[in-house]
Amino acid sequence: MADSTRPGPGELLTSLVPMVRTLGLVYEETGPERAVLRLPDLPEYRNHLGGPHAGAMFTLAESASGAVVLAAFGDRMDRAVPLPVHAEISFLKVAKGPVTATAELGRPAAEVTAELDAGRRPEFPVTVAIRRADGAVTGEMTVRWTLRPHG
């Protein structure tokens, strides 16, 4: 049974990372295998083409990756801190309007946890697709995360 007093991954990420609030990111789905976040279409977030600025899309995608990581490993934060160690983004098409980022955990959470339990510092990928409202993929990101043990 879920603990209703424990904040969800979206609430936790919003409280830990002020930039999430600054951009007004909306959590549409958060789970241990997949998270979906939306960046609203606001004039102050737009670039010279009228679409979302590259930095805003990067933050959206990285935040989606963080949401899935917190959903998968948030119950282990007393033992390890999740940290991104590498990120790569590709911009494939012009984005216009609101965009969503769908992040998916690239390794089974149980496998990552087993490495942590064995005293290692696991690394794992999270892949992210950025989409326009019409469903077209406008960007892709891969973030490599680690769980760094405390101490």
C-alpha atoms as a PDB file:
ATOM      1  CA  MET A   1       0.000   0.000   0.000  1.00  0.00           C
ATOM      2  CA  ALA A   2       1.308   3.456  -0.928  1.00  0.00           C
ATOM      3  CA  ASP A   3       2.197   5.914   1.810  1.00  0.00           C
ATOM      4  CA  SER A   4      -0.169   8.861   1.264  1.00  0.00           C
ATOM      5  CA  THR A   5       1.998  11.139   3.430  1.00  0.00           C
ATOM      6  CA  ARG A   6       5.074  10.647   1.244  1.00  0.00           C
ATOM      7  CA  PRO A   7       5.310  13.136  -1.645  1.00  0.00           C
ATOM      8  CA  GLY A   8       5.138  11.695  -5.153  1.00  0.00           C
ATOM      9  CA  PRO A   9       8.099  11.970  -7.559  1.00  0.00           C
ATOM     10  CA  GLY A  10       6.685  15.128  -9.156  1.00  0.00           C
ATOM     11  CA  GLU A  11       6.138  16.882  -5.843  1.00  0.00           C
ATOM     12  CA  LEU A  12       9.572  15.781  -4.632  1.00  0.00           C
ATOM     13  CA  LEU A  13      11.321  16.982  -7.789  1.00  0.00           C
ATOM     14  CA  THR A  14       9.456  20.298  -7.654  1.00  0.00           C
ATOM     15  CA  SER A  15      10.506  20.822  -4.029  1.00  0.00           C
ATOM     16  CA  LEU A  16      14.155  19.847  -4.666  1.00  0.00           C
ATOM     17  CA  VAL A  17      14.672  21.644  -8.007  1.00  0.00           C
ATOM     18  CA  PRO A  18      13.338  25.227  -8.176  1.00  0.00           C
ATOM     19  CA  MET A  19      13.816  25.345 -11.980  1.00  0.00           C
ATOM     20  CA  VAL A  20      10.894  22.915 -12.318  1.00  0.00           C
ATOM     21  CA  ARG A  21       8.636  25.521 -10.687  1.00  0.00           C
ATOM     22  CA  THR A  22      10.203  28.341 -12.689  1.00  0.00           C
ATOM     23  CA  LEU A  23       9.242  26.690 -15.987  1.00  0.00           C
ATOM     24  CA  GLY A  24       5.844  25.568 -14.695  1.00  0.00           C
ATOM     25  CA  LEU A  25       6.436  21.962 -15.754  1.00  0.00           C
ATOM     26  CA  VAL A  26       3.319  19.804 -15.476  1.00  0.00           C
ATOM     27  CA  TYR A  27       3.549  16.163 -14.369  1.00  0.00           C
ATOM     28  CA  GLU A  28       1.180  14.112 -16.504  1.00  0.00           C
ATOM     29  CA  GLU A  29       2.517  10.712 -15.400  1.00  0.00           C
ATOM     30  CA  THR A  30       5.192   9.555 -12.965  1.00  0.00           C
ATOM     31  CA  GLY A  31       6.093   5.943 -12.397  1.00  0.00           C
ATOM     32  CA  PRO A  32       9.163   3.781 -11.801  1.00  0.00           C
ATOM     33  CA  GLU A  33       9.493   2.894 -15.493  1.00  0.00           C
ATOM     34  CA  ARG A  34       8.082   5.965 -17.253  1.00  0.00           C
ATOM     35  CA  ALA A  35       7.391   9.647 -16.608  1.00  0.00           C
ATOM     36  CA  VAL A  36       5.696  12.243 -18.804  1.00  0.00           C
ATOM     37  CA  LEU A  37       6.101  15.988 -18.240  1.00  0.00           C
ATOM     38  CA  ARG A  38       4.683  18.904 -20.216  1.00  0.00           C
ATOM     39  CA  LEU A  39       6.171  22.336 -20.881  1.00  0.00           C
ATOM     40  CA  PRO A  40       3.416  24.917 -21.369  1.00  0.00           C
ATOM     41  CA  ASP A  41       3.553  27.188 -24.408  1.00  0.00           C
ATOM     42  CA  LEU A  42       4.336  30.616 -22.948  1.00  0.00           C
ATOM     43  CA  PRO A  43       5.865  33.553 -24.842  1.00  0.00           C
ATOM     44  CA  GLU A  44       8.724  33.929 -22.344  1.00  0.00           C
ATOM     45  CA  TYR A  45       9.902  30.369 -23.113  1.00  0.00           C
ATOM     46  CA  ARG A  46      10.046  30.827 -26.896  1.00  0.00           C
ATOM     47  CA  ASN A  47      13.027  31.108 -29.222  1.00  0.00           C
ATOM     48  CA  HIS A  48      13.500  33.112 -32.424  1.00  0.00           C
ATOM     49  CA  LEU A  49      11.305  30.616 -34.342  1.00  0.00           C
ATOM     50  CA  GLY A  50       8.374  30.927 -31.945  1.00  0.00           C
ATOM     51  CA  GLY A  51       8.851  27.488 -30.419  1.00  0.00           C
ATOM     52  CA  PRO A  52      10.222  26.471 -27.030  1.00  0.00           C
ATOM     53  CA  HIS A  53      13.815  27.525 -26.374  1.00  0.00           C
ATOM     54  CA  ALA A  54      16.394  24.729 -26.511  1.00  0.00           C
ATOM     55  CA  GLY A  55      17.314  25.320 -22.870  1.00  0.00           C
ATOM     56  CA  ALA A  56      13.683  24.951 -21.802  1.00  0.00           C
ATOM     57  CA  MET A  57      13.393  21.687 -23.765  1.00  0.00           C
ATOM     58  CA  PHE A  58      16.633  20.419 -22.216  1.00  0.00           C
ATOM     59  CA  THR A  59      15.296  21.215 -18.745  1.00  0.00           C
ATOM     60  CA  LEU A  60      11.964  19.560 -19.557  1.00  0.00           C
ATOM     61  CA  ALA A  61      13.650  16.357 -20.772  1.00  0.00           C
ATOM     62  CA  GLU A  62      16.193  16.211 -17.933  1.00  0.00           C
ATOM     63  CA  SER A  63      13.407  16.803 -15.414  1.00  0.00           C
ATOM     64  CA  ALA A  64      11.355  13.969 -16.920  1.00  0.00           C
ATOM     65  CA  SER A  65      14.383  11.711 -16.554  1.00  0.00           C
ATOM     66  CA  GLY A  66      14.731  12.808 -12.935  1.00  0.00           C
ATOM     67  CA  ALA A  67      11.068  12.093 -12.262  1.00  0.00           C
ATOM     68  CA  VAL A  68      11.371   8.489 -13.424  1.00  0.00           C
ATOM     69  CA  VAL A  69      14.589   8.077 -11.406  1.00  0.00           C
ATOM     70  CA  LEU A  70      12.928   9.413  -8.250  1.00  0.00           C
ATOM     71  CA  ALA A  71       9.914   7.161  -8.819  1.00  0.00           C
ATOM     72  CA  ALA A  72      12.178   4.121  -9.254  1.00  0.00           C
ATOM     73  CA  PHE A  73      14.752   4.870  -6.540  1.00  0.00           C
ATOM     74  CA  GLY A  74      13.299   7.555  -4.244  1.00  0.00           C
ATOM     75  CA  ASP A  75      12.909   5.014  -1.456  1.00  0.00           C
ATOM     76  CA  ARG A  76      16.698   4.548  -1.478  1.00  0.00           C
ATOM     77  CA  MET A  77      17.637   8.203  -0.951  1.00  0.00           C
ATOM     78  CA  ASP A  78      18.579   7.383   2.633  1.00  0.00           C
ATOM     79  CA  ARG A  79      21.406   5.240   1.143  1.00  0.00           C
ATOM     80  CA  ALA A  80      22.324   7.010  -2.095  1.00  0.00           C
ATOM     81  CA  VAL A  81      21.755  10.244  -3.985  1.00  0.00           C
ATOM     82  CA  PRO A  82      20.672  10.069  -7.639  1.00  0.00           C
ATOM     83  CA  LEU A  83      22.851  12.228  -9.917  1.00  0.00           C
ATOM     84  CA  PRO A  84      22.950  12.725 -13.674  1.00  0.00           C
ATOM     85  CA  VAL A  85      26.484  12.105 -14.954  1.00  0.00           C
ATOM     86  CA  HIS A  86      26.046  12.666 -18.688  1.00  0.00           C
ATOM     87  CA  ALA A  87      23.319  14.013 -20.971  1.00  0.00           C
ATOM     88  CA  GLU A  88      23.061  14.210 -24.732  1.00  0.00           C
ATOM     89  CA  ILE A  89      20.221  15.823 -26.651  1.00  0.00           C
ATOM     90  CA  SER A  90      19.320  15.885 -30.329  1.00  0.00           C
ATOM     91  CA  PHE A  91      16.906  18.407 -31.809  1.00  0.00           C
ATOM     92  CA  LEU A  92      15.175  16.693 -34.731  1.00  0.00           C
ATOM     93  CA  LYS A  93      12.293  18.965 -35.788  1.00  0.00           C
ATOM     94  CA  VAL A  94      11.016  22.420 -34.984  1.00  0.00           C
ATOM     95  CA  ALA A  95       8.792  22.296 -31.929  1.00  0.00           C
ATOM     96  CA  LYS A  96       5.793  24.615 -31.635  1.00  0.00           C
ATOM     97  CA  GLY A  97       3.214  24.918 -28.908  1.00  0.00           C
ATOM     98  CA  PRO A  98       3.278  22.860 -25.732  1.00  0.00           C
ATOM     99  CA  VAL A  99       5.693  19.927 -25.756  1.00  0.00           C
ATOM    100  CA  THR A 100       5.881  16.788 -23.657  1.00  0.00           C
ATOM    101  CA  ALA A 101       8.868  14.720 -22.610  1.00  0.00           C
ATOM    102  CA  THR A 102       8.427  10.987 -22.066  1.00  0.00           C
ATOM    103  CA  ALA A 103      11.258   9.410 -20.070  1.00  0.00           C
ATOM    104  CA  GLU A 104      11.830   5.676 -19.774  1.00  0.00           C
ATOM    105  CA  LEU A 105      14.199   3.846 -17.450  1.00  0.00           C
ATOM    106  CA  GLY A 106      16.808   2.030 -19.559  1.00  0.00           C
ATOM    107  CA  ARG A 107      17.602  -0.812 -17.134  1.00  0.00           C
ATOM    108  CA  PRO A 108      15.417  -2.787 -14.748  1.00  0.00           C
ATOM    109  CA  ALA A 109      15.279  -1.030 -11.376  1.00  0.00           C
ATOM    110  CA  ALA A 110      15.907  -4.349  -9.590  1.00  0.00           C
ATOM    111  CA  GLU A 111      19.192  -4.763 -11.478  1.00  0.00           C
ATOM    112  CA  VAL A 112      20.340  -1.246 -10.527  1.00  0.00           C
ATOM    113  CA  THR A 113      19.326  -1.801  -6.898  1.00  0.00           C
ATOM    114  CA  ALA A 114      21.222  -5.105  -6.795  1.00  0.00           C
ATOM    115  CA  GLU A 115      24.415  -3.268  -7.813  1.00  0.00           C
ATOM    116  CA  LEU A 116      23.839  -0.701  -5.072  1.00  0.00           C
ATOM    117  CA  ASP A 117      23.202  -3.492  -2.549  1.00  0.00           C
ATOM    118  CA  ALA A 118      26.470  -5.141  -3.638  1.00  0.00           C
ATOM    119  CA  GLY A 119      28.374  -1.973  -2.696  1.00  0.00           C
ATOM    120  CA  ARG A 120      28.829  -0.651  -6.245  1.00  0.00           C
ATOM    121  CA  ARG A 121      27.846   2.712  -7.704  1.00  0.00           C
ATOM    122  CA  PRO A 122      25.424   1.780 -10.486  1.00  0.00           C
ATOM    123  CA  GLU A 123      24.969   3.775 -13.676  1.00  0.00           C
ATOM    124  CA  PHE A 124      21.951   3.483 -15.919  1.00  0.00           C
ATOM    125  CA  PRO A 125      20.457   5.301 -18.906  1.00  0.00           C
ATOM    126  CA  VAL A 126      17.140   7.092 -19.144  1.00  0.00           C
ATOM    127  CA  THR A 127      15.880   7.804 -22.659  1.00  0.00           C
ATOM    128  CA  VAL A 128      13.574  10.723 -23.343  1.00  0.00           C
ATOM    129  CA  ALA A 129      11.427  11.612 -26.367  1.00  0.00           C
ATOM    130  CA  ILE A 130      10.211  15.207 -26.730  1.00  0.00           C
ATOM    131  CA  ARG A 131       6.957  15.524 -28.686  1.00  0.00           C
ATOM    132  CA  ARG A 132       4.722  18.249 -30.080  1.00  0.00           C
ATOM    133  CA  ALA A 133       0.960  18.087 -29.590  1.00  0.00           C
ATOM    134  CA  ASP A 134       0.595  16.312 -32.960  1.00  0.00           C
ATOM    135  CA  GLY A 135       2.784  13.470 -31.649  1.00  0.00           C
ATOM    136  CA  ALA A 136       5.831  14.233 -33.801  1.00  0.00           C
ATOM    137  CA  VAL A 137       9.119  13.602 -32.009  1.00  0.00           C
ATOM    138  CA  THR A 138      11.031  16.885 -32.054  1.00  0.00           C
ATOM    139  CA  GLY A 139      13.932  15.854 -29.859  1.00  0.00           C
ATOM    140  CA  GLU A 140      15.578  12.944 -28.090  1.00  0.00           C
ATOM    141  CA  MET A 141      17.742  12.882 -24.998  1.00  0.00           C
ATOM    142  CA  THR A 142      19.683  10.229 -23.159  1.00  0.00           C
ATOM    143  CA  VAL A 143      20.706  10.916 -19.580  1.00  0.00           C
ATOM    144  CA  ARG A 144      23.086   8.569 -17.790  1.00  0.00           C
ATOM    145  CA  TRP A 145      22.342   8.552 -14.064  1.00  0.00           C
ATOM    146  CA  THR A 146      24.141   7.111 -11.073  1.00  0.00           C
ATOM    147  CA  LEU A 147      23.159   6.317  -7.514  1.00  0.00           C
ATOM    148  CA  ARG A 148      26.053   7.653  -5.448  1.00  0.00           C
ATOM    149  CA  PRO A 149      26.157   5.989  -2.017  1.00  0.00           C
ATOM    150  CA  HIS A 150      26.326   8.320   0.985  1.00  0.00           C
ATOM    151  CA  GLY A 151      29.572   8.497   2.890  1.00  0.00           C
END
